N, C-alpha and C. Protein backbone atom coordinates (compact mmCIF):
# COMPACT_ATOMS: atom_id res chain seq x y z
N MET A 1 0.85 -1.17 0.00
CA MET A 1 0.00 0.00 0.00
C MET A 1 0.89 1.24 0.00
N ARG A 2 0.63 2.13 -0.94
CA ARG A 2 1.41 3.36 -1.06
C ARG A 2 0.76 4.45 -0.21
N VAL A 3 1.52 4.97 0.76
CA VAL A 3 1.01 5.97 1.69
C VAL A 3 1.85 7.24 1.59
N ALA A 4 1.18 8.35 1.29
CA ALA A 4 1.85 9.65 1.26
C ALA A 4 2.03 10.14 2.68
N LEU A 5 3.24 10.52 3.03
CA LEU A 5 3.54 11.18 4.30
C LEU A 5 3.93 12.60 3.94
N THR A 6 2.99 13.52 4.13
CA THR A 6 3.14 14.86 3.60
C THR A 6 2.86 15.91 4.67
N GLY A 7 3.05 17.14 4.33
CA GLY A 7 2.80 18.25 5.23
C GLY A 7 3.68 19.43 4.86
N THR A 8 3.33 20.57 5.40
CA THR A 8 4.12 21.78 5.20
C THR A 8 5.54 21.52 5.71
N PRO A 9 6.56 22.09 5.04
CA PRO A 9 7.91 21.94 5.57
C PRO A 9 7.97 22.37 7.05
N GLY A 10 8.64 21.55 7.86
CA GLY A 10 8.78 21.84 9.28
C GLY A 10 7.80 21.10 10.18
N THR A 11 6.88 20.34 9.59
CA THR A 11 5.89 19.64 10.41
C THR A 11 6.41 18.32 10.97
N GLY A 12 7.55 17.85 10.48
CA GLY A 12 8.16 16.64 11.03
C GLY A 12 8.25 15.44 10.11
N LYS A 13 7.96 15.62 8.83
CA LYS A 13 7.95 14.49 7.89
C LYS A 13 9.26 13.71 7.86
N SER A 14 10.35 14.41 7.66
CA SER A 14 11.64 13.73 7.52
C SER A 14 12.04 13.00 8.79
N SER A 15 11.85 13.65 9.92
CA SER A 15 12.21 13.03 11.20
C SER A 15 11.38 11.78 11.47
N VAL A 16 10.10 11.88 11.23
CA VAL A 16 9.21 10.73 11.44
C VAL A 16 9.54 9.62 10.44
N ALA A 17 9.80 10.00 9.20
CA ALA A 17 10.15 9.00 8.18
C ALA A 17 11.43 8.26 8.56
N THR A 18 12.40 8.98 9.10
CA THR A 18 13.65 8.35 9.54
C THR A 18 13.37 7.34 10.65
N LEU A 19 12.53 7.71 11.59
CA LEU A 19 12.18 6.81 12.70
C LEU A 19 11.44 5.57 12.17
N LEU A 20 10.48 5.78 11.26
CA LEU A 20 9.75 4.64 10.67
C LEU A 20 10.71 3.70 9.95
N GLN A 21 11.67 4.28 9.26
CA GLN A 21 12.66 3.49 8.53
C GLN A 21 13.50 2.67 9.51
N LYS A 22 13.90 3.29 10.62
CA LYS A 22 14.68 2.58 11.64
C LYS A 22 13.88 1.44 12.25
N GLN A 23 12.56 1.58 12.25
CA GLN A 23 11.69 0.54 12.80
C GLN A 23 11.40 -0.56 11.77
N GLY A 24 12.00 -0.45 10.58
CA GLY A 24 11.88 -1.51 9.58
C GLY A 24 10.87 -1.25 8.48
N TYR A 25 10.23 -0.10 8.48
CA TYR A 25 9.27 0.21 7.42
C TYR A 25 9.98 0.76 6.20
N THR A 26 9.39 0.53 5.04
CA THR A 26 9.96 1.05 3.81
C THR A 26 9.54 2.50 3.65
N VAL A 27 10.53 3.36 3.47
CA VAL A 27 10.30 4.79 3.29
C VAL A 27 11.01 5.24 2.02
N VAL A 28 10.28 5.92 1.17
CA VAL A 28 10.84 6.46 -0.06
C VAL A 28 10.84 7.98 0.06
N ARG A 29 12.00 8.58 -0.09
CA ARG A 29 12.14 10.05 -0.04
C ARG A 29 11.87 10.56 -1.45
N LEU A 30 10.76 11.23 -1.62
CA LEU A 30 10.33 11.62 -2.97
C LEU A 30 11.31 12.55 -3.67
N HIS A 31 11.91 13.47 -2.94
CA HIS A 31 12.85 14.39 -3.57
C HIS A 31 14.04 13.62 -4.16
N GLU A 32 14.55 12.67 -3.38
CA GLU A 32 15.67 11.85 -3.85
C GLU A 32 15.25 10.97 -5.02
N LEU A 33 14.08 10.35 -4.91
CA LEU A 33 13.57 9.49 -5.98
C LEU A 33 13.44 10.28 -7.28
N ALA A 34 12.91 11.49 -7.17
CA ALA A 34 12.73 12.34 -8.36
C ALA A 34 14.08 12.70 -8.98
N LYS A 35 15.05 13.05 -8.15
CA LYS A 35 16.37 13.42 -8.66
C LYS A 35 17.05 12.23 -9.33
N GLN A 36 16.96 11.06 -8.70
CA GLN A 36 17.65 9.87 -9.21
C GLN A 36 17.02 9.29 -10.47
N ASN A 37 15.77 9.65 -10.76
CA ASN A 37 15.07 9.01 -11.87
C ASN A 37 14.57 9.99 -12.93
N GLY A 38 15.23 11.12 -13.04
CA GLY A 38 14.93 12.07 -14.12
C GLY A 38 13.55 12.69 -14.04
N CYS A 39 13.08 12.94 -12.85
CA CYS A 39 11.75 13.53 -12.68
C CYS A 39 11.83 14.98 -12.21
N ILE A 40 12.94 15.64 -12.54
CA ILE A 40 13.10 17.06 -12.19
C ILE A 40 12.84 17.88 -13.44
N ASP A 41 12.07 18.94 -13.25
CA ASP A 41 11.62 19.76 -14.38
C ASP A 41 12.22 21.16 -14.36
N GLY A 42 13.26 21.38 -13.56
CA GLY A 42 13.89 22.68 -13.51
C GLY A 42 14.09 23.14 -12.08
N MET A 43 14.33 24.45 -11.97
CA MET A 43 14.65 25.03 -10.66
C MET A 43 13.81 26.27 -10.44
N ASP A 44 13.23 26.38 -9.26
CA ASP A 44 12.55 27.60 -8.85
C ASP A 44 13.62 28.45 -8.16
N THR A 45 14.19 29.39 -8.91
CA THR A 45 15.30 30.18 -8.38
C THR A 45 14.87 31.09 -7.24
N LYS A 46 13.63 31.56 -7.28
CA LYS A 46 13.13 32.43 -6.21
C LYS A 46 13.11 31.69 -4.87
N ARG A 47 12.74 30.42 -4.89
CA ARG A 47 12.64 29.63 -3.66
C ARG A 47 13.84 28.70 -3.47
N ASN A 48 14.75 28.70 -4.44
CA ASN A 48 15.92 27.85 -4.41
C ASN A 48 15.53 26.39 -4.18
N SER A 49 14.58 25.92 -5.00
CA SER A 49 14.16 24.52 -4.86
C SER A 49 13.92 23.91 -6.24
N LEU A 50 14.10 22.60 -6.29
CA LEU A 50 13.90 21.86 -7.54
C LEU A 50 12.41 21.71 -7.83
N LEU A 51 12.07 21.75 -9.10
CA LEU A 51 10.69 21.54 -9.53
C LEU A 51 10.55 20.09 -9.98
N ILE A 52 9.63 19.39 -9.37
CA ILE A 52 9.43 17.98 -9.69
C ILE A 52 8.36 17.83 -10.77
N ASP A 53 8.66 17.01 -11.77
CA ASP A 53 7.69 16.68 -12.81
C ASP A 53 6.78 15.60 -12.22
N MET A 54 5.62 16.03 -11.74
CA MET A 54 4.73 15.13 -11.02
C MET A 54 4.20 14.01 -11.91
N ASP A 55 3.97 14.29 -13.19
CA ASP A 55 3.48 13.24 -14.10
C ASP A 55 4.52 12.13 -14.26
N LYS A 56 5.78 12.52 -14.48
CA LYS A 56 6.85 11.53 -14.62
C LYS A 56 7.01 10.73 -13.33
N LEU A 57 6.96 11.43 -12.20
CA LEU A 57 7.13 10.76 -10.91
C LEU A 57 5.98 9.79 -10.66
N HIS A 58 4.78 10.22 -10.98
CA HIS A 58 3.59 9.37 -10.85
C HIS A 58 3.78 8.08 -11.66
N LYS A 59 4.18 8.22 -12.91
CA LYS A 59 4.37 7.05 -13.78
C LYS A 59 5.47 6.14 -13.26
N TYR A 60 6.55 6.73 -12.77
CA TYR A 60 7.66 5.94 -12.23
C TYR A 60 7.19 5.12 -11.02
N ILE A 61 6.48 5.76 -10.12
CA ILE A 61 6.01 5.07 -8.91
C ILE A 61 5.01 3.99 -9.27
N LYS A 62 4.09 4.30 -10.17
CA LYS A 62 3.07 3.33 -10.57
C LYS A 62 3.72 2.08 -11.17
N LYS A 63 4.79 2.27 -11.94
CA LYS A 63 5.47 1.16 -12.59
C LYS A 63 6.36 0.38 -11.63
N ASN A 64 7.01 1.06 -10.68
CA ASN A 64 8.05 0.44 -9.88
C ASN A 64 7.68 0.10 -8.43
N PHE A 65 6.51 0.52 -8.01
CA PHE A 65 6.11 0.23 -6.63
C PHE A 65 4.75 -0.46 -6.61
N ILE A 66 4.73 -1.67 -7.14
CA ILE A 66 3.52 -2.49 -7.14
C ILE A 66 3.68 -3.48 -5.98
N THR A 67 3.01 -3.20 -4.88
CA THR A 67 3.20 -4.02 -3.69
C THR A 67 2.01 -3.90 -2.75
N ASN A 68 1.80 -4.94 -1.98
CA ASN A 68 0.80 -4.90 -0.92
C ASN A 68 1.44 -4.46 0.39
N GLU A 69 2.77 -4.42 0.39
CA GLU A 69 3.52 -3.99 1.57
C GLU A 69 3.27 -2.50 1.81
N LEU A 70 3.34 -2.09 3.07
CA LEU A 70 3.18 -0.70 3.44
C LEU A 70 4.44 0.07 3.06
N VAL A 71 4.29 1.06 2.18
CA VAL A 71 5.42 1.88 1.75
C VAL A 71 5.03 3.34 1.96
N PHE A 72 5.87 4.06 2.72
CA PHE A 72 5.64 5.48 2.97
C PHE A 72 6.44 6.30 1.98
N PHE A 73 5.77 7.26 1.33
CA PHE A 73 6.41 8.17 0.39
C PHE A 73 6.45 9.54 1.06
N GLU A 74 7.64 9.94 1.49
CA GLU A 74 7.79 11.17 2.27
C GLU A 74 8.15 12.35 1.38
N GLY A 75 7.41 13.43 1.57
CA GLY A 75 7.71 14.67 0.87
C GLY A 75 6.52 15.60 0.86
N HIS A 76 6.79 16.89 0.79
CA HIS A 76 5.68 17.84 0.85
C HIS A 76 4.84 17.88 -0.43
N VAL A 77 5.21 17.07 -1.41
CA VAL A 77 4.40 16.96 -2.63
C VAL A 77 3.75 15.58 -2.75
N ALA A 78 3.95 14.73 -1.77
CA ALA A 78 3.47 13.34 -1.85
C ALA A 78 1.96 13.25 -2.10
N HIS A 79 1.21 14.14 -1.52
CA HIS A 79 -0.25 14.13 -1.65
C HIS A 79 -0.72 14.46 -3.06
N LEU A 80 0.16 15.03 -3.88
CA LEU A 80 -0.20 15.37 -5.25
C LEU A 80 -0.14 14.17 -6.19
N LEU A 81 0.40 13.08 -5.72
CA LEU A 81 0.53 11.88 -6.54
C LEU A 81 -0.74 11.03 -6.45
N LYS A 82 -1.36 10.83 -7.59
CA LYS A 82 -2.60 10.04 -7.64
C LYS A 82 -2.34 8.57 -7.32
N THR A 83 -1.08 8.14 -7.41
CA THR A 83 -0.72 6.75 -7.11
C THR A 83 -0.80 6.44 -5.62
N MET A 84 -0.90 7.47 -4.79
CA MET A 84 -0.98 7.24 -3.34
C MET A 84 -2.36 6.72 -2.99
N GLU A 85 -2.38 5.63 -2.22
CA GLU A 85 -3.65 5.03 -1.83
C GLU A 85 -4.20 5.66 -0.55
N LYS A 86 -3.30 6.13 0.31
CA LYS A 86 -3.68 6.81 1.54
C LYS A 86 -2.77 8.02 1.71
N VAL A 87 -3.25 9.01 2.45
CA VAL A 87 -2.48 10.24 2.66
C VAL A 87 -2.50 10.58 4.14
N ILE A 88 -1.32 10.76 4.71
CA ILE A 88 -1.21 11.23 6.08
C ILE A 88 -0.54 12.60 6.03
N ILE A 89 -1.28 13.60 6.52
CA ILE A 89 -0.79 14.98 6.52
C ILE A 89 -0.35 15.35 7.93
N LEU A 90 0.90 15.72 8.07
CA LEU A 90 1.38 16.21 9.36
C LEU A 90 1.13 17.71 9.42
N ARG A 91 0.58 18.15 10.54
CA ARG A 91 0.21 19.55 10.74
C ARG A 91 0.96 20.09 11.95
N CYS A 92 1.12 21.40 12.02
CA CYS A 92 1.80 22.02 13.14
C CYS A 92 1.27 23.44 13.33
N HIS A 93 1.02 23.82 14.59
CA HIS A 93 0.54 25.17 14.87
C HIS A 93 1.54 26.18 14.30
N PRO A 94 1.05 27.24 13.65
CA PRO A 94 1.92 28.22 13.01
C PRO A 94 3.01 28.81 13.91
N LYS A 95 2.74 29.03 15.18
CA LYS A 95 3.78 29.59 16.08
C LYS A 95 4.93 28.60 16.25
N GLU A 96 4.60 27.34 16.44
CA GLU A 96 5.62 26.31 16.58
C GLU A 96 6.33 26.09 15.24
N LEU A 97 5.58 26.13 14.15
CA LEU A 97 6.17 25.95 12.83
C LEU A 97 7.21 27.03 12.58
N LYS A 98 6.90 28.26 12.95
CA LYS A 98 7.85 29.37 12.79
C LYS A 98 9.15 29.07 13.54
N LYS A 99 9.03 28.59 14.77
CA LYS A 99 10.23 28.26 15.56
C LYS A 99 11.05 27.18 14.87
N ARG A 100 10.37 26.16 14.37
CA ARG A 100 11.07 25.06 13.71
C ARG A 100 11.79 25.52 12.44
N LEU A 101 11.13 26.37 11.65
CA LEU A 101 11.75 26.84 10.41
C LEU A 101 12.88 27.83 10.69
N MET A 102 12.74 28.63 11.75
CA MET A 102 13.83 29.54 12.12
C MET A 102 15.05 28.75 12.57
N LYS A 103 14.82 27.65 13.25
CA LYS A 103 15.90 26.77 13.70
C LYS A 103 16.67 26.21 12.50
N LYS A 104 15.93 26.01 11.38
CA LYS A 104 16.56 25.52 10.15
C LYS A 104 17.28 26.65 9.39
N LYS A 105 17.19 27.87 9.94
CA LYS A 105 17.82 29.07 9.36
C LYS A 105 17.26 29.43 7.98
N TRP A 106 15.96 29.23 7.82
CA TRP A 106 15.31 29.63 6.58
C TRP A 106 15.14 31.14 6.58
N ASN A 107 15.04 31.74 5.39
CA ASN A 107 14.85 33.19 5.34
C ASN A 107 13.40 33.53 5.69
N ASN A 108 13.21 34.77 6.14
CA ASN A 108 11.90 35.19 6.64
C ASN A 108 10.78 35.04 5.62
N GLN A 109 11.05 35.32 4.36
CA GLN A 109 10.02 35.22 3.33
C GLN A 109 9.56 33.76 3.17
N LYS A 110 10.51 32.84 3.15
CA LYS A 110 10.18 31.42 2.99
C LYS A 110 9.44 30.91 4.24
N ILE A 111 9.85 31.39 5.41
CA ILE A 111 9.17 31.01 6.64
C ILE A 111 7.72 31.48 6.59
N GLN A 112 7.51 32.75 6.24
CA GLN A 112 6.16 33.30 6.21
C GLN A 112 5.28 32.59 5.18
N GLU A 113 5.86 32.28 4.04
CA GLU A 113 5.12 31.58 2.99
C GLU A 113 4.61 30.22 3.49
N ASN A 114 5.46 29.52 4.23
CA ASN A 114 5.07 28.20 4.75
C ASN A 114 4.09 28.31 5.91
N ILE A 115 4.23 29.32 6.73
CA ILE A 115 3.27 29.55 7.82
C ILE A 115 1.90 29.86 7.22
N ASP A 116 1.87 30.72 6.23
CA ASP A 116 0.61 31.05 5.57
C ASP A 116 -0.03 29.81 4.94
N ALA A 117 0.78 28.98 4.31
CA ALA A 117 0.27 27.74 3.69
C ALA A 117 -0.34 26.83 4.75
N GLU A 118 0.29 26.76 5.91
CA GLU A 118 -0.23 25.91 7.00
C GLU A 118 -1.54 26.48 7.54
N ILE A 119 -1.60 27.79 7.70
CA ILE A 119 -2.81 28.44 8.24
C ILE A 119 -4.02 28.19 7.35
N ILE A 120 -3.81 28.29 6.03
CA ILE A 120 -4.96 28.19 5.12
C ILE A 120 -5.14 26.78 4.53
N ASP A 121 -4.49 25.80 5.13
CA ASP A 121 -4.70 24.39 4.77
C ASP A 121 -4.35 24.05 3.31
N VAL A 122 -3.30 24.63 2.79
CA VAL A 122 -2.97 24.40 1.38
C VAL A 122 -2.82 22.92 1.07
N ILE A 123 -2.04 22.21 1.86
CA ILE A 123 -1.80 20.79 1.55
C ILE A 123 -3.08 19.97 1.70
N LEU A 124 -3.86 20.25 2.73
CA LEU A 124 -5.12 19.55 2.90
C LEU A 124 -6.03 19.79 1.69
N CYS A 125 -6.16 21.03 1.27
CA CYS A 125 -7.02 21.35 0.10
C CYS A 125 -6.53 20.63 -1.15
N GLU A 126 -5.22 20.62 -1.37
CA GLU A 126 -4.67 19.92 -2.53
C GLU A 126 -4.92 18.42 -2.43
N ALA A 127 -4.78 17.87 -1.24
CA ALA A 127 -5.00 16.42 -1.05
C ALA A 127 -6.44 16.05 -1.34
N VAL A 128 -7.38 16.88 -0.88
CA VAL A 128 -8.81 16.61 -1.09
C VAL A 128 -9.16 16.67 -2.58
N GLU A 129 -8.43 17.47 -3.35
CA GLU A 129 -8.66 17.53 -4.80
C GLU A 129 -8.22 16.25 -5.49
N GLN A 130 -7.27 15.52 -4.90
CA GLN A 130 -6.69 14.33 -5.53
C GLN A 130 -7.22 13.00 -5.00
N HIS A 131 -7.70 13.01 -3.74
CA HIS A 131 -8.00 11.74 -3.07
C HIS A 131 -9.35 11.80 -2.36
N PRO A 132 -10.02 10.66 -2.22
CA PRO A 132 -11.26 10.63 -1.42
C PRO A 132 -10.94 11.01 0.04
N THR A 133 -11.80 11.78 0.66
CA THR A 133 -11.53 12.25 2.03
C THR A 133 -11.37 11.10 3.01
N LYS A 134 -12.02 9.97 2.76
CA LYS A 134 -11.89 8.82 3.67
C LYS A 134 -10.48 8.24 3.66
N ASN A 135 -9.67 8.62 2.67
CA ASN A 135 -8.30 8.12 2.57
C ASN A 135 -7.26 9.11 3.08
N ILE A 136 -7.72 10.22 3.66
CA ILE A 136 -6.81 11.27 4.12
C ILE A 136 -6.92 11.40 5.64
N PHE A 137 -5.76 11.49 6.29
CA PHE A 137 -5.69 11.61 7.74
C PHE A 137 -4.78 12.78 8.11
N GLU A 138 -5.10 13.45 9.22
CA GLU A 138 -4.27 14.56 9.70
C GLU A 138 -3.79 14.26 11.12
N ILE A 139 -2.52 14.59 11.37
CA ILE A 139 -1.95 14.44 12.71
C ILE A 139 -1.33 15.77 13.11
N ASP A 140 -1.75 16.30 14.25
CA ASP A 140 -1.17 17.52 14.79
C ASP A 140 0.12 17.15 15.51
N THR A 141 1.25 17.63 15.00
CA THR A 141 2.56 17.30 15.56
C THR A 141 3.05 18.35 16.55
N THR A 142 2.28 19.40 16.77
CA THR A 142 2.74 20.56 17.55
C THR A 142 3.35 20.18 18.88
N LYS A 143 2.65 19.39 19.67
CA LYS A 143 3.12 19.06 21.03
C LYS A 143 3.49 17.59 21.17
N LYS A 144 3.75 16.94 20.03
CA LYS A 144 4.08 15.51 20.08
C LYS A 144 5.55 15.29 19.76
N THR A 145 6.11 14.26 20.36
CA THR A 145 7.47 13.86 20.00
C THR A 145 7.41 13.11 18.66
N ILE A 146 8.56 12.93 18.08
CA ILE A 146 8.64 12.17 16.83
C ILE A 146 8.11 10.75 17.06
N GLU A 147 8.43 10.19 18.21
CA GLU A 147 7.98 8.83 18.54
C GLU A 147 6.46 8.77 18.64
N GLU A 148 5.86 9.80 19.22
CA GLU A 148 4.39 9.83 19.34
C GLU A 148 3.73 9.97 17.97
N VAL A 149 4.32 10.77 17.11
CA VAL A 149 3.77 10.94 15.75
C VAL A 149 3.87 9.62 14.99
N ALA A 150 5.02 8.96 15.08
CA ALA A 150 5.21 7.67 14.40
C ALA A 150 4.20 6.65 14.95
N ALA A 151 3.99 6.65 16.25
CA ALA A 151 3.03 5.74 16.86
C ALA A 151 1.62 6.02 16.34
N SER A 152 1.27 7.28 16.17
CA SER A 152 -0.05 7.65 15.62
C SER A 152 -0.21 7.12 14.20
N ILE A 153 0.84 7.27 13.40
CA ILE A 153 0.81 6.79 12.02
C ILE A 153 0.61 5.28 11.99
N LEU A 154 1.36 4.57 12.84
CA LEU A 154 1.26 3.11 12.86
C LEU A 154 -0.10 2.66 13.40
N LYS A 155 -0.67 3.43 14.31
CA LYS A 155 -2.01 3.12 14.82
C LYS A 155 -3.03 3.19 13.67
N ILE A 156 -2.92 4.23 12.85
CA ILE A 156 -3.81 4.38 11.69
C ILE A 156 -3.62 3.19 10.74
N ALA A 157 -2.35 2.85 10.47
CA ALA A 157 -2.05 1.75 9.54
C ALA A 157 -2.56 0.42 10.08
N LYS A 158 -2.36 0.17 11.37
CA LYS A 158 -2.78 -1.11 11.96
C LYS A 158 -4.30 -1.27 11.97
N LYS A 159 -5.00 -0.18 11.91
CA LYS A 159 -6.46 -0.24 11.83
C LYS A 159 -6.92 -0.19 10.36
N ASN A 160 -5.99 -0.56 9.46
CA ASN A 160 -6.26 -0.62 8.02
C ASN A 160 -6.80 0.69 7.45
N PHE A 161 -6.34 1.79 7.99
CA PHE A 161 -6.71 3.12 7.49
C PHE A 161 -8.22 3.35 7.50
N GLN A 162 -8.87 2.80 8.48
CA GLN A 162 -10.31 3.06 8.64
C GLN A 162 -10.49 4.47 9.19
N PRO A 163 -11.55 5.15 8.76
CA PRO A 163 -11.80 6.50 9.28
C PRO A 163 -11.85 6.48 10.81
N THR A 164 -11.31 7.53 11.41
CA THR A 164 -11.23 7.63 12.85
C THR A 164 -11.45 9.07 13.28
N LYS A 165 -12.21 9.28 14.33
CA LYS A 165 -12.48 10.64 14.79
C LYS A 165 -11.19 11.40 15.08
N THR A 166 -10.24 10.73 15.69
CA THR A 166 -9.01 11.39 16.10
C THR A 166 -8.22 11.97 14.93
N TYR A 167 -8.17 11.26 13.81
CA TYR A 167 -7.31 11.67 12.71
C TYR A 167 -8.05 12.04 11.43
N ASN A 168 -9.38 12.07 11.46
CA ASN A 168 -10.14 12.51 10.29
C ASN A 168 -9.80 13.95 9.96
N ILE A 169 -9.92 14.29 8.70
CA ILE A 169 -9.60 15.67 8.30
C ILE A 169 -10.67 16.64 8.80
N GLY A 170 -10.24 17.89 8.93
CA GLY A 170 -11.16 18.94 9.32
C GLY A 170 -11.17 19.27 10.80
N ARG A 171 -10.42 18.51 11.59
CA ARG A 171 -10.39 18.77 13.04
C ARG A 171 -9.32 19.80 13.40
N ILE A 172 -8.36 20.00 12.53
CA ILE A 172 -7.27 20.95 12.79
C ILE A 172 -7.59 22.24 12.05
N ASP A 173 -7.58 23.35 12.78
CA ASP A 173 -7.97 24.63 12.18
C ASP A 173 -7.12 25.74 12.79
N TRP A 174 -6.23 26.29 11.98
CA TRP A 174 -5.38 27.39 12.42
C TRP A 174 -5.89 28.72 11.87
N SER A 175 -7.07 28.77 11.26
CA SER A 175 -7.53 29.96 10.53
C SER A 175 -7.59 31.22 11.39
N GLU A 176 -7.80 31.09 12.70
CA GLU A 176 -7.84 32.28 13.55
C GLU A 176 -6.49 32.98 13.59
N GLU A 177 -5.42 32.28 13.25
CA GLU A 177 -4.09 32.88 13.24
C GLU A 177 -3.98 34.01 12.21
N ILE A 178 -4.81 33.94 11.16
CA ILE A 178 -4.80 34.99 10.14
C ILE A 178 -5.15 36.32 10.77
N LEU A 179 -6.11 36.32 11.66
CA LEU A 179 -6.59 37.54 12.28
C LEU A 179 -5.56 38.19 13.20
N LYS A 180 -4.58 37.46 13.64
CA LYS A 180 -3.59 37.99 14.56
C LYS A 180 -2.69 39.02 13.90
N ASP A 181 -2.67 39.06 12.58
CA ASP A 181 -1.88 40.07 11.86
C ASP A 181 -2.61 41.39 11.73
N PHE A 182 -3.87 41.43 12.13
CA PHE A 182 -4.69 42.63 11.98
C PHE A 182 -5.08 43.19 13.35
N PRO A 183 -5.01 44.52 13.51
CA PRO A 183 -5.41 45.09 14.82
C PRO A 183 -6.91 44.92 15.04
N ALA A 184 -7.29 44.75 16.31
CA ALA A 184 -8.70 44.55 16.66
C ALA A 184 -9.51 45.81 16.51
């Protein structure tokens, strides 16, 4: 089963993926996979990031990852791949996200862009456009350790990705954070 492990940069995808890998699960790093298999479509010089050819990547994954085994595809674009059977979105409160991105020494513009994306649910909205809502799960990583997030993911997987109140989409809402930029 192909599972997207996605979320705004800074929500914990890479750290959780590393832990899952150490626990014996198969984890595919989408950025690396795209680079190694000719699925790069150029460079976004403004953001200093590679542009992934999602169609090529989709075809590569569809052809090369035919398995009933649980495989996690980690990356902030994972939810855009129609080949994903389930989607787990990691979320983080914007204040904590800012701290995490500042720790990574990102520039202020890139930090703000990602905070705004988290506030307005960009990844969730994109995921809902590509996948049935019953196949999408959200985990708030704000106050959880990497181990707790990994345990939540495995709990969802062990229950065969059945809908669950705890991780169903729509329970996480940072929209009030938008108003904090405006005087009362």
